[in-house]
Amino acid sequence: MDGHNRWTAALHGALWRESPAWRVSEWERALEDYHAGIVEPALGEIEILRPPERWYTLRLRDTARNVLDVRPLPRADIEPLVQEYGQTIQQLVRVSSEAPLRGLEALDYAKRVLHDEGALALREGLGGWVHWEVSQARRFFTLFFLVASELPEAWVRFHRHHGRHPSS
């Protein structure tokens, strides 16, 4: 278990500056959830960056903030999962007011499967850097999804809830 869930997460400052307050608030919520699963002492930090004109990159730092490695995320593996996850949330939004509970449960299940696939793709994209339990990888995917997607403010509640109607 040593090394599991021992890396904190951060977002590059430029991401914070370019985002509306509601999105920043959602990121803070996701970071808090991610950090709740950290086993102390932390080994370092994984920072999400978006270099100009490129897709997302992760920077790994030790506890003294020395850069250990910088690695672009495999866009071809991860971006489709982010898009599919967002499309599933969009379907939940469309059917939430008129669908029977069974329809919502099916979409929620699909969302969970995509969340797991995204978590595993991120874990593999780190190529052995970090050894997360699946639950921690899921928390990191949540954070990454919220950063990498254009999820509208009104839809955030559909991302948060599993197994029950999003208005509850």
C-alpha atoms as a PDB file:
ATOM      1  CA  MET A   1       0.000   0.000   0.000  1.00  0.00           C
ATOM      2  CA  ASP A   2       2.989   2.338   0.422  1.00  0.00           C
ATOM      3  CA  GLY A   3       2.810   5.030  -2.253  1.00  0.00           C
ATOM      4  CA  HIS A   4      -0.945   4.671  -2.789  1.00  0.00           C
ATOM      5  CA  ASN A   5      -2.993   7.823  -2.384  1.00  0.00           C
ATOM      6  CA  ARG A   6       0.002   9.846  -1.239  1.00  0.00           C
ATOM      7  CA  TRP A   7       0.170  12.485  -3.972  1.00  0.00           C
ATOM      8  CA  THR A   8      -1.635  15.776  -3.553  1.00  0.00           C
ATOM      9  CA  ALA A   9      -3.200  17.486  -6.567  1.00  0.00           C
ATOM     10  CA  ALA A  10      -3.010  21.053  -7.789  1.00  0.00           C
ATOM     11  CA  LEU A  11      -4.085  23.160 -10.743  1.00  0.00           C
ATOM     12  CA  HIS A  12      -1.711  25.529 -12.487  1.00  0.00           C
ATOM     13  CA  GLY A  13      -2.343  29.193 -11.677  1.00  0.00           C
ATOM     14  CA  ALA A  14      -3.297  30.097 -15.244  1.00  0.00           C
ATOM     15  CA  LEU A  15      -6.268  27.728 -15.071  1.00  0.00           C
ATOM     16  CA  TRP A  16      -7.597  29.523 -11.984  1.00  0.00           C
ATOM     17  CA  ARG A  17      -7.197  32.982 -13.512  1.00  0.00           C
ATOM     18  CA  GLU A  18      -9.068  32.077 -16.716  1.00  0.00           C
ATOM     19  CA  SER A  19     -12.166  30.600 -15.065  1.00  0.00           C
ATOM     20  CA  PRO A  20     -15.438  31.965 -13.686  1.00  0.00           C
ATOM     21  CA  ALA A  21     -16.058  31.890  -9.944  1.00  0.00           C
ATOM     22  CA  TRP A  22     -18.607  29.056 -10.094  1.00  0.00           C
ATOM     23  CA  ARG A  23     -16.079  26.809 -11.915  1.00  0.00           C
ATOM     24  CA  VAL A  24     -13.338  27.704  -9.433  1.00  0.00           C
ATOM     25  CA  SER A  25     -15.704  26.769  -6.621  1.00  0.00           C
ATOM     26  CA  GLU A  26     -16.381  23.389  -8.236  1.00  0.00           C
ATOM     27  CA  TRP A  27     -12.651  22.756  -8.659  1.00  0.00           C
ATOM     28  CA  GLU A  28     -12.069  23.605  -5.008  1.00  0.00           C
ATOM     29  CA  ARG A  29     -14.772  21.113  -4.073  1.00  0.00           C
ATOM     30  CA  ALA A  30     -13.163  18.407  -6.241  1.00  0.00           C
ATOM     31  CA  LEU A  31      -9.697  19.152  -4.822  1.00  0.00           C
ATOM     32  CA  GLU A  32     -11.058  18.913  -1.283  1.00  0.00           C
ATOM     33  CA  ASP A  33     -12.647  15.556  -2.094  1.00  0.00           C
ATOM     34  CA  TYR A  34      -9.416  14.316  -3.695  1.00  0.00           C
ATOM     35  CA  HIS A  35      -7.292  15.438  -0.742  1.00  0.00           C
ATOM     36  CA  ALA A  36      -9.640  13.739   1.732  1.00  0.00           C
ATOM     37  CA  GLY A  37      -8.303  10.438   0.374  1.00  0.00           C
ATOM     38  CA  ILE A  38      -4.618  11.301   0.828  1.00  0.00           C
ATOM     39  CA  VAL A  39      -2.584   9.151   3.185  1.00  0.00           C
ATOM     40  CA  GLU A  40      -0.018  11.238   5.066  1.00  0.00           C
ATOM     41  CA  PRO A  41       2.755  11.994   4.697  1.00  0.00           C
ATOM     42  CA  ALA A  42       2.343  13.077   1.100  1.00  0.00           C
ATOM     43  CA  LEU A  43       5.081  12.135  -1.359  1.00  0.00           C
ATOM     44  CA  GLY A  44       4.555  15.194  -3.540  1.00  0.00           C
ATOM     45  CA  GLU A  45       2.127  16.881  -5.884  1.00  0.00           C
ATOM     46  CA  ILE A  46       0.576  16.247  -9.288  1.00  0.00           C
ATOM     47  CA  GLU A  47      -0.188  19.548 -10.998  1.00  0.00           C
ATOM     48  CA  ILE A  48      -2.538  19.827 -13.973  1.00  0.00           C
ATOM     49  CA  LEU A  49      -1.369  22.318 -16.605  1.00  0.00           C
ATOM     50  CA  ARG A  50      -2.656  23.342 -20.007  1.00  0.00           C
ATOM     51  CA  PRO A  51       0.223  24.740 -22.038  1.00  0.00           C
ATOM     52  CA  PRO A  52      -0.777  27.215 -24.783  1.00  0.00           C
ATOM     53  CA  GLU A  53      -1.816  25.493 -28.002  1.00  0.00           C
ATOM     54  CA  ARG A  54      -1.545  22.020 -26.419  1.00  0.00           C
ATOM     55  CA  TRP A  55      -3.609  19.521 -24.487  1.00  0.00           C
ATOM     56  CA  TYR A  56      -3.151  18.842 -20.787  1.00  0.00           C
ATOM     57  CA  THR A  57       0.130  18.025 -19.122  1.00  0.00           C
ATOM     58  CA  LEU A  58       0.860  16.762 -15.633  1.00  0.00           C
ATOM     59  CA  ARG A  59       3.830  17.947 -13.604  1.00  0.00           C
ATOM     60  CA  LEU A  60       5.055  15.823 -10.734  1.00  0.00           C
ATOM     61  CA  ARG A  61       6.841  17.588  -7.873  1.00  0.00           C
ATOM     62  CA  ASP A  62       8.371  16.349  -4.663  1.00  0.00           C
ATOM     63  CA  THR A  63       7.450  17.854  -1.298  1.00  0.00           C
ATOM     64  CA  ALA A  64      10.141  20.552  -1.735  1.00  0.00           C
ATOM     65  CA  ARG A  65       8.353  21.485  -5.027  1.00  0.00           C
ATOM     66  CA  ASN A  66      11.259  20.303  -7.183  1.00  0.00           C
ATOM     67  CA  VAL A  67      10.004  19.115 -10.574  1.00  0.00           C
ATOM     68  CA  LEU A  68      10.507  15.370 -10.879  1.00  0.00           C
ATOM     69  CA  ASP A  69       8.919  14.940 -14.299  1.00  0.00           C
ATOM     70  CA  VAL A  70       6.533  16.555 -16.765  1.00  0.00           C
ATOM     71  CA  ARG A  71       4.352  14.357 -18.879  1.00  0.00           C
ATOM     72  CA  PRO A  72       1.720  15.197 -21.495  1.00  0.00           C
ATOM     73  CA  LEU A  73      -1.460  13.185 -20.986  1.00  0.00           C
ATOM     74  CA  PRO A  74      -2.290  10.785 -23.813  1.00  0.00           C
ATOM     75  CA  ARG A  75      -5.010  12.822 -25.486  1.00  0.00           C
ATOM     76  CA  ALA A  76      -6.160  10.011 -27.779  1.00  0.00           C
ATOM     77  CA  ASP A  77      -6.855   7.799 -24.755  1.00  0.00           C
ATOM     78  CA  ILE A  78      -8.361  10.310 -22.337  1.00  0.00           C
ATOM     79  CA  GLU A  79     -10.155  13.013 -24.330  1.00  0.00           C
ATOM     80  CA  PRO A  80     -12.805  10.636 -25.762  1.00  0.00           C
ATOM     81  CA  LEU A  81     -13.644   9.477 -22.216  1.00  0.00           C
ATOM     82  CA  VAL A  82     -13.983  13.076 -21.032  1.00  0.00           C
ATOM     83  CA  GLN A  83     -16.286  13.787 -23.981  1.00  0.00           C
ATOM     84  CA  GLU A  84     -18.375  10.644 -23.461  1.00  0.00           C
ATOM     85  CA  TYR A  85     -18.708  11.374 -19.765  1.00  0.00           C
ATOM     86  CA  GLY A  86     -19.899  14.893 -20.584  1.00  0.00           C
ATOM     87  CA  GLN A  87     -22.363  13.542 -23.163  1.00  0.00           C
ATOM     88  CA  THR A  88     -23.768  11.138 -20.586  1.00  0.00           C
ATOM     89  CA  ILE A  89     -24.305  14.045 -18.198  1.00  0.00           C
ATOM     90  CA  GLN A  90     -26.014  15.911 -21.049  1.00  0.00           C
ATOM     91  CA  GLN A  91     -28.361  12.935 -21.527  1.00  0.00           C
ATOM     92  CA  LEU A  92     -29.110  12.946 -17.794  1.00  0.00           C
ATOM     93  CA  VAL A  93     -30.027  16.617 -18.050  1.00  0.00           C
ATOM     94  CA  ARG A  94     -32.391  15.943 -20.957  1.00  0.00           C
ATOM     95  CA  VAL A  95     -34.240  13.050 -19.389  1.00  0.00           C
ATOM     96  CA  SER A  96     -34.204  14.081 -15.718  1.00  0.00           C
ATOM     97  CA  SER A  97     -37.570  15.823 -15.769  1.00  0.00           C
ATOM     98  CA  GLU A  98     -39.486  13.249 -17.775  1.00  0.00           C
ATOM     99  CA  ALA A  99     -37.722   9.908 -17.611  1.00  0.00           C
ATOM    100  CA  PRO A 100     -38.788   7.146 -15.286  1.00  0.00           C
ATOM    101  CA  LEU A 101     -36.395   6.360 -12.465  1.00  0.00           C
ATOM    102  CA  ARG A 102     -35.219   3.261 -14.355  1.00  0.00           C
ATOM    103  CA  GLY A 103     -33.998   5.483 -17.242  1.00  0.00           C
ATOM    104  CA  LEU A 104     -32.066   7.689 -14.859  1.00  0.00           C
ATOM    105  CA  GLU A 105     -30.551   4.656 -13.155  1.00  0.00           C
ATOM    106  CA  ALA A 106     -29.358   3.293 -16.516  1.00  0.00           C
ATOM    107  CA  LEU A 107     -27.722   6.595 -17.422  1.00  0.00           C
ATOM    108  CA  ASP A 108     -26.201   6.886 -13.966  1.00  0.00           C
ATOM    109  CA  TYR A 109     -24.745   3.399 -14.351  1.00  0.00           C
ATOM    110  CA  ALA A 110     -23.274   4.363 -17.737  1.00  0.00           C
ATOM    111  CA  LYS A 111     -21.793   7.481 -16.138  1.00  0.00           C
ATOM    112  CA  ARG A 112     -20.162   5.364 -13.413  1.00  0.00           C
ATOM    113  CA  VAL A 113     -18.658   2.994 -15.982  1.00  0.00           C
ATOM    114  CA  LEU A 114     -17.214   5.919 -17.946  1.00  0.00           C
ATOM    115  CA  HIS A 115     -15.926   7.450 -14.704  1.00  0.00           C
ATOM    116  CA  ASP A 116     -14.095   4.193 -13.926  1.00  0.00           C
ATOM    117  CA  GLU A 117     -12.674   4.008 -17.459  1.00  0.00           C
ATOM    118  CA  GLY A 118     -11.498   7.618 -17.233  1.00  0.00           C
ATOM    119  CA  ALA A 119      -9.881   6.975 -13.860  1.00  0.00           C
ATOM    120  CA  LEU A 120      -8.044   3.941 -15.181  1.00  0.00           C
ATOM    121  CA  ALA A 121      -6.935   5.803 -18.334  1.00  0.00           C
ATOM    122  CA  LEU A 122      -5.479   8.617 -16.204  1.00  0.00           C
ATOM    123  CA  ARG A 123      -3.764   6.123 -13.942  1.00  0.00           C
ATOM    124  CA  GLU A 124      -2.250   4.385 -16.978  1.00  0.00           C
ATOM    125  CA  GLY A 125      -1.400   7.769 -18.514  1.00  0.00           C
ATOM    126  CA  LEU A 126       0.781   8.438 -15.494  1.00  0.00           C
ATOM    127  CA  GLY A 127       2.820   5.427 -16.552  1.00  0.00           C
ATOM    128  CA  GLY A 128       3.809   4.178 -13.128  1.00  0.00           C
ATOM    129  CA  TRP A 129       4.436   7.582 -11.579  1.00  0.00           C
ATOM    130  CA  VAL A 130       1.634   7.226  -9.106  1.00  0.00           C
ATOM    131  CA  HIS A 131      -0.031   4.138  -7.720  1.00  0.00           C
ATOM    132  CA  TRP A 132      -3.612   5.032  -6.852  1.00  0.00           C
ATOM    133  CA  GLU A 133      -6.373   2.908  -5.531  1.00  0.00           C
ATOM    134  CA  VAL A 134      -9.332   3.043  -7.934  1.00  0.00           C
ATOM    135  CA  SER A 135     -11.281   5.348  -5.595  1.00  0.00           C
ATOM    136  CA  GLN A 136      -8.457   7.918  -5.633  1.00  0.00           C
ATOM    137  CA  ALA A 137      -8.037   7.620  -9.395  1.00  0.00           C
ATOM    138  CA  ARG A 138     -11.792   8.299  -9.687  1.00  0.00           C
ATOM    139  CA  ARG A 139     -11.377  11.450  -7.585  1.00  0.00           C
ATOM    140  CA  PHE A 140      -8.566  12.610  -9.832  1.00  0.00           C
ATOM    141  CA  PHE A 141     -10.683  11.924 -12.930  1.00  0.00           C
ATOM    142  CA  THR A 142     -13.448  14.039 -11.383  1.00  0.00           C
ATOM    143  CA  LEU A 143     -11.019  16.924 -10.972  1.00  0.00           C
ATOM    144  CA  PHE A 144      -9.579  16.462 -14.443  1.00  0.00           C
ATOM    145  CA  PHE A 145     -13.027  16.201 -16.030  1.00  0.00           C
ATOM    146  CA  LEU A 146     -14.126  19.441 -14.394  1.00  0.00           C
ATOM    147  CA  VAL A 147     -10.993  21.177 -15.692  1.00  0.00           C
ATOM    148  CA  ALA A 148     -10.990  19.665 -19.197  1.00  0.00           C
ATOM    149  CA  SER A 149     -14.696  19.849 -19.975  1.00  0.00           C
ATOM    150  CA  GLU A 150     -16.967  22.748 -20.724  1.00  0.00           C
ATOM    151  CA  LEU A 151     -19.650  21.480 -18.359  1.00  0.00           C
ATOM    152  CA  PRO A 152     -22.205  24.297 -17.956  1.00  0.00           C
ATOM    153  CA  GLU A 153     -22.882  25.547 -14.453  1.00  0.00           C
ATOM    154  CA  ALA A 154     -26.467  24.258 -14.459  1.00  0.00           C
ATOM    155  CA  TRP A 155     -25.295  20.713 -15.197  1.00  0.00           C
ATOM    156  CA  VAL A 156     -22.768  20.379 -12.366  1.00  0.00           C
ATOM    157  CA  ARG A 157     -25.346  18.841 -10.035  1.00  0.00           C
ATOM    158  CA  PHE A 158     -25.782  15.966 -12.518  1.00  0.00           C
ATOM    159  CA  HIS A 159     -22.071  15.214 -12.292  1.00  0.00           C
ATOM    160  CA  ARG A 160     -22.044  15.092  -8.498  1.00  0.00           C
ATOM    161  CA  HIS A 161     -24.857  12.681  -7.765  1.00  0.00           C
ATOM    162  CA  HIS A 162     -24.800   8.936  -8.190  1.00  0.00           C
ATOM    163  CA  GLY A 163     -27.706   6.584  -7.689  1.00  0.00           C
ATOM    164  CA  ARG A 164     -30.383   9.187  -7.043  1.00  0.00           C
ATOM    165  CA  HIS A 165     -32.154  11.980  -8.869  1.00  0.00           C
ATOM    166  CA  PRO A 166     -29.809  14.990  -9.214  1.00  0.00           C
ATOM    167  CA  SER A 167     -32.335  17.381  -7.655  1.00  0.00           C
ATOM    168  CA  SER A 168     -32.342  15.417  -4.380  1.00  0.00           C
END
